[in-house]
Amino acid sequence: MSNTSPLQNVHLFDARGVAKRFRHAAIFGALKSLQPGETMRFVNDHDPIPLLAQIRQTFGDAVSLEYLRRDPGEVVLDFSVIG
């Protein structure tokens, strides 16, 4: 993950270490705990397209997303809370 250097107000969430049955609840909990201006750097082993739709439905435009890496076996996204 060479293009994912640590930044201020960026919090890593590596979903690969969370049991699948708890992932969505953990991800939503993490997003709800972010303050405006903070970012959750999300790492997963696949592109979570259904999850992205759920996030958009729940948070609308209050959370933006940006793909940093979209490779087979490793997807990295930044979810940022808009202030």
N, C-alpha and C. Protein backbone atom coordinates (compact mmCIF):
# COMPACT_ATOMS: atom_id res chain seq x y z
N MET A 1 0.84 -1.18 0.00
CA MET A 1 0.00 0.00 0.00
C MET A 1 0.88 1.24 0.00
N SER A 2 1.64 1.41 -1.00
CA SER A 2 2.58 2.52 -1.04
C SER A 2 1.91 3.88 -1.13
N ASN A 3 0.74 3.97 -1.74
CA ASN A 3 0.07 5.26 -1.88
C ASN A 3 -0.89 5.56 -0.74
N THR A 4 -0.76 4.87 0.37
CA THR A 4 -1.66 5.09 1.49
C THR A 4 -0.87 5.48 2.73
N SER A 5 -0.06 6.50 2.61
CA SER A 5 0.76 6.94 3.73
C SER A 5 -0.10 7.51 4.83
N PRO A 6 0.35 7.39 6.10
CA PRO A 6 -0.45 7.91 7.20
C PRO A 6 -0.60 9.43 7.14
N LEU A 7 -1.78 9.90 7.41
CA LEU A 7 -2.07 11.33 7.42
C LEU A 7 -2.75 11.67 8.73
N GLN A 8 -2.70 12.93 9.08
CA GLN A 8 -3.41 13.39 10.27
C GLN A 8 -4.91 13.21 10.05
N ASN A 9 -5.61 12.77 11.08
CA ASN A 9 -7.07 12.57 11.04
C ASN A 9 -7.51 11.43 10.12
N VAL A 10 -6.58 10.51 9.79
CA VAL A 10 -6.93 9.33 9.01
C VAL A 10 -6.78 8.12 9.91
N HIS A 11 -7.87 7.35 10.03
CA HIS A 11 -7.91 6.20 10.94
C HIS A 11 -8.07 4.92 10.12
N LEU A 12 -7.16 3.99 10.32
CA LEU A 12 -7.17 2.74 9.56
C LEU A 12 -8.25 1.79 10.07
N PHE A 13 -9.00 1.21 9.14
CA PHE A 13 -9.96 0.15 9.45
C PHE A 13 -9.69 -0.98 8.46
N ASP A 14 -9.03 -2.03 8.94
CA ASP A 14 -8.71 -3.18 8.09
C ASP A 14 -9.78 -4.24 8.32
N ALA A 15 -10.73 -4.32 7.39
CA ALA A 15 -11.86 -5.23 7.53
C ALA A 15 -11.44 -6.70 7.41
N ARG A 16 -10.26 -6.94 6.88
CA ARG A 16 -9.81 -8.33 6.71
C ARG A 16 -9.62 -9.02 8.06
N GLY A 17 -9.45 -8.25 9.12
CA GLY A 17 -9.26 -8.83 10.45
C GLY A 17 -10.53 -8.93 11.27
N VAL A 18 -11.67 -8.60 10.67
CA VAL A 18 -12.95 -8.63 11.38
C VAL A 18 -13.77 -9.79 10.82
N ALA A 19 -14.35 -10.59 11.70
CA ALA A 19 -15.18 -11.71 11.26
C ALA A 19 -16.29 -11.19 10.33
N LYS A 20 -16.54 -11.92 9.27
CA LYS A 20 -17.51 -11.46 8.25
C LYS A 20 -18.88 -11.14 8.83
N ARG A 21 -19.31 -11.89 9.82
CA ARG A 21 -20.65 -11.65 10.36
C ARG A 21 -20.74 -10.34 11.13
N PHE A 22 -19.59 -9.76 11.52
CA PHE A 22 -19.58 -8.50 12.27
C PHE A 22 -19.12 -7.30 11.44
N ARG A 23 -18.67 -7.53 10.23
CA ARG A 23 -18.04 -6.45 9.44
C ARG A 23 -18.92 -5.24 9.24
N HIS A 24 -20.13 -5.44 8.74
CA HIS A 24 -20.97 -4.27 8.43
C HIS A 24 -21.27 -3.47 9.68
N ALA A 25 -21.60 -4.13 10.77
CA ALA A 25 -21.89 -3.41 12.02
C ALA A 25 -20.66 -2.64 12.49
N ALA A 26 -19.49 -3.25 12.39
CA ALA A 26 -18.25 -2.58 12.81
C ALA A 26 -17.94 -1.38 11.92
N ILE A 27 -18.14 -1.54 10.63
CA ILE A 27 -17.87 -0.45 9.69
C ILE A 27 -18.81 0.73 9.95
N PHE A 28 -20.10 0.44 10.11
CA PHE A 28 -21.06 1.52 10.37
C PHE A 28 -20.78 2.19 11.71
N GLY A 29 -20.41 1.41 12.71
CA GLY A 29 -20.04 1.99 14.00
C GLY A 29 -18.84 2.91 13.89
N ALA A 30 -17.86 2.48 13.12
CA ALA A 30 -16.66 3.31 12.93
C ALA A 30 -17.00 4.59 12.19
N LEU A 31 -17.82 4.50 11.15
CA LEU A 31 -18.20 5.70 10.40
C LEU A 31 -18.99 6.68 11.28
N LYS A 32 -19.88 6.16 12.10
CA LYS A 32 -20.68 7.02 12.98
C LYS A 32 -19.83 7.72 14.04
N SER A 33 -18.68 7.15 14.35
CA SER A 33 -17.82 7.75 15.38
C SER A 33 -16.89 8.83 14.82
N LEU A 34 -16.80 8.95 13.51
CA LEU A 34 -15.93 9.96 12.91
C LEU A 34 -16.52 11.36 13.07
N GLN A 35 -15.63 12.31 13.25
CA GLN A 35 -16.00 13.72 13.34
C GLN A 35 -15.76 14.38 11.99
N PRO A 36 -16.42 15.50 11.71
CA PRO A 36 -16.15 16.21 10.45
C PRO A 36 -14.66 16.47 10.27
N GLY A 37 -14.18 16.20 9.08
CA GLY A 37 -12.77 16.38 8.78
C GLY A 37 -11.93 15.12 8.99
N GLU A 38 -12.51 14.10 9.60
CA GLU A 38 -11.79 12.84 9.81
C GLU A 38 -12.08 11.87 8.67
N THR A 39 -11.15 10.95 8.48
CA THR A 39 -11.24 9.96 7.41
C THR A 39 -10.98 8.57 7.96
N MET A 40 -11.75 7.61 7.48
CA MET A 40 -11.49 6.21 7.78
C MET A 40 -10.90 5.58 6.53
N ARG A 41 -9.68 5.10 6.64
CA ARG A 41 -9.05 4.39 5.54
C ARG A 41 -9.42 2.92 5.66
N PHE A 42 -10.22 2.45 4.73
CA PHE A 42 -10.82 1.13 4.77
C PHE A 42 -10.05 0.19 3.84
N VAL A 43 -9.63 -0.95 4.39
CA VAL A 43 -8.90 -1.95 3.61
C VAL A 43 -9.72 -3.23 3.62
N ASN A 44 -9.89 -3.84 2.45
CA ASN A 44 -10.68 -5.06 2.33
C ASN A 44 -10.06 -5.96 1.27
N ASP A 45 -10.49 -7.21 1.24
CA ASP A 45 -9.97 -8.16 0.27
C ASP A 45 -10.79 -8.19 -1.03
N HIS A 46 -11.88 -7.43 -1.08
CA HIS A 46 -12.71 -7.34 -2.28
C HIS A 46 -13.40 -5.97 -2.33
N ASP A 47 -13.93 -5.63 -3.48
CA ASP A 47 -14.63 -4.37 -3.66
C ASP A 47 -16.02 -4.49 -3.04
N PRO A 48 -16.31 -3.72 -1.99
CA PRO A 48 -17.56 -3.89 -1.25
C PRO A 48 -18.73 -3.10 -1.83
N ILE A 49 -19.08 -3.37 -3.05
CA ILE A 49 -20.10 -2.58 -3.76
C ILE A 49 -21.44 -2.54 -3.02
N PRO A 50 -21.98 -3.67 -2.52
CA PRO A 50 -23.25 -3.57 -1.77
C PRO A 50 -23.11 -2.72 -0.51
N LEU A 51 -21.98 -2.81 0.17
CA LEU A 51 -21.73 -1.99 1.36
C LEU A 51 -21.72 -0.51 1.00
N LEU A 52 -21.11 -0.17 -0.13
CA LEU A 52 -21.05 1.24 -0.54
C LEU A 52 -22.45 1.80 -0.77
N ALA A 53 -23.34 0.99 -1.34
CA ALA A 53 -24.72 1.43 -1.53
C ALA A 53 -25.41 1.65 -0.19
N GLN A 54 -25.16 0.78 0.78
CA GLN A 54 -25.75 0.94 2.11
C GLN A 54 -25.21 2.19 2.79
N ILE A 55 -23.93 2.46 2.64
CA ILE A 55 -23.33 3.66 3.23
C ILE A 55 -23.94 4.90 2.61
N ARG A 56 -24.07 4.91 1.30
CA ARG A 56 -24.66 6.08 0.61
C ARG A 56 -26.10 6.28 1.07
N GLN A 57 -26.84 5.18 1.23
CA GLN A 57 -28.24 5.28 1.66
C GLN A 57 -28.34 5.81 3.09
N THR A 58 -27.42 5.40 3.96
CA THR A 58 -27.46 5.80 5.36
C THR A 58 -26.93 7.21 5.59
N PHE A 59 -25.81 7.53 4.96
CA PHE A 59 -25.12 8.80 5.25
C PHE A 59 -25.32 9.86 4.18
N GLY A 60 -25.79 9.48 3.00
CA GLY A 60 -25.97 10.45 1.92
C GLY A 60 -24.67 11.14 1.57
N ASP A 61 -24.74 12.44 1.41
CA ASP A 61 -23.56 13.22 1.03
C ASP A 61 -22.68 13.61 2.21
N ALA A 62 -23.04 13.18 3.42
CA ALA A 62 -22.24 13.52 4.60
C ALA A 62 -20.93 12.75 4.65
N VAL A 63 -20.85 11.65 3.89
CA VAL A 63 -19.62 10.85 3.82
C VAL A 63 -19.22 10.73 2.36
N SER A 64 -18.00 11.12 2.06
CA SER A 64 -17.49 10.96 0.70
C SER A 64 -16.59 9.73 0.66
N LEU A 65 -16.38 9.19 -0.52
CA LEU A 65 -15.48 8.05 -0.64
C LEU A 65 -14.55 8.25 -1.83
N GLU A 66 -13.34 7.74 -1.66
CA GLU A 66 -12.34 7.80 -2.72
C GLU A 66 -11.56 6.49 -2.72
N TYR A 67 -11.50 5.86 -3.88
CA TYR A 67 -10.69 4.66 -4.03
C TYR A 67 -9.22 5.06 -4.10
N LEU A 68 -8.39 4.43 -3.29
CA LEU A 68 -6.95 4.62 -3.36
C LEU A 68 -6.28 3.44 -4.07
N ARG A 69 -6.89 2.29 -3.94
CA ARG A 69 -6.39 1.07 -4.58
C ARG A 69 -7.59 0.18 -4.86
N ARG A 70 -7.58 -0.41 -6.04
CA ARG A 70 -8.69 -1.28 -6.45
C ARG A 70 -8.12 -2.47 -7.21
N ASP A 71 -7.35 -3.27 -6.50
CA ASP A 71 -6.68 -4.42 -7.09
C ASP A 71 -7.35 -5.71 -6.62
N PRO A 72 -7.25 -6.78 -7.40
CA PRO A 72 -7.76 -8.06 -6.92
C PRO A 72 -7.08 -8.44 -5.61
N GLY A 73 -7.85 -8.73 -4.59
CA GLY A 73 -7.31 -9.12 -3.30
C GLY A 73 -7.01 -7.98 -2.35
N GLU A 74 -7.03 -6.73 -2.83
CA GLU A 74 -6.81 -5.58 -1.94
C GLU A 74 -7.49 -4.33 -2.51
N VAL A 75 -8.44 -3.87 -1.74
CA VAL A 75 -9.16 -2.63 -2.07
C VAL A 75 -8.97 -1.69 -0.90
N VAL A 76 -8.60 -0.45 -1.21
CA VAL A 76 -8.38 0.57 -0.18
C VAL A 76 -9.22 1.80 -0.54
N LEU A 77 -10.06 2.20 0.38
CA LEU A 77 -10.91 3.38 0.17
C LEU A 77 -10.75 4.33 1.36
N ASP A 78 -10.90 5.60 1.08
CA ASP A 78 -11.00 6.60 2.15
C ASP A 78 -12.45 7.05 2.24
N PHE A 79 -13.03 6.93 3.43
CA PHE A 79 -14.36 7.48 3.72
C PHE A 79 -14.11 8.72 4.57
N SER A 80 -14.55 9.87 4.08
CA SER A 80 -14.32 11.12 4.80
C SER A 80 -15.65 11.75 5.18
N VAL A 81 -15.69 12.26 6.41
CA VAL A 81 -16.89 12.95 6.89
C VAL A 81 -16.78 14.41 6.49
N ILE A 82 -17.79 14.87 5.79
CA ILE A 82 -17.83 16.25 5.32
C ILE A 82 -18.25 17.15 6.47
N GLY A 83 -17.53 18.22 6.66
CA GLY A 83 -17.83 19.13 7.76
C GLY A 83 -18.74 20.18 7.35
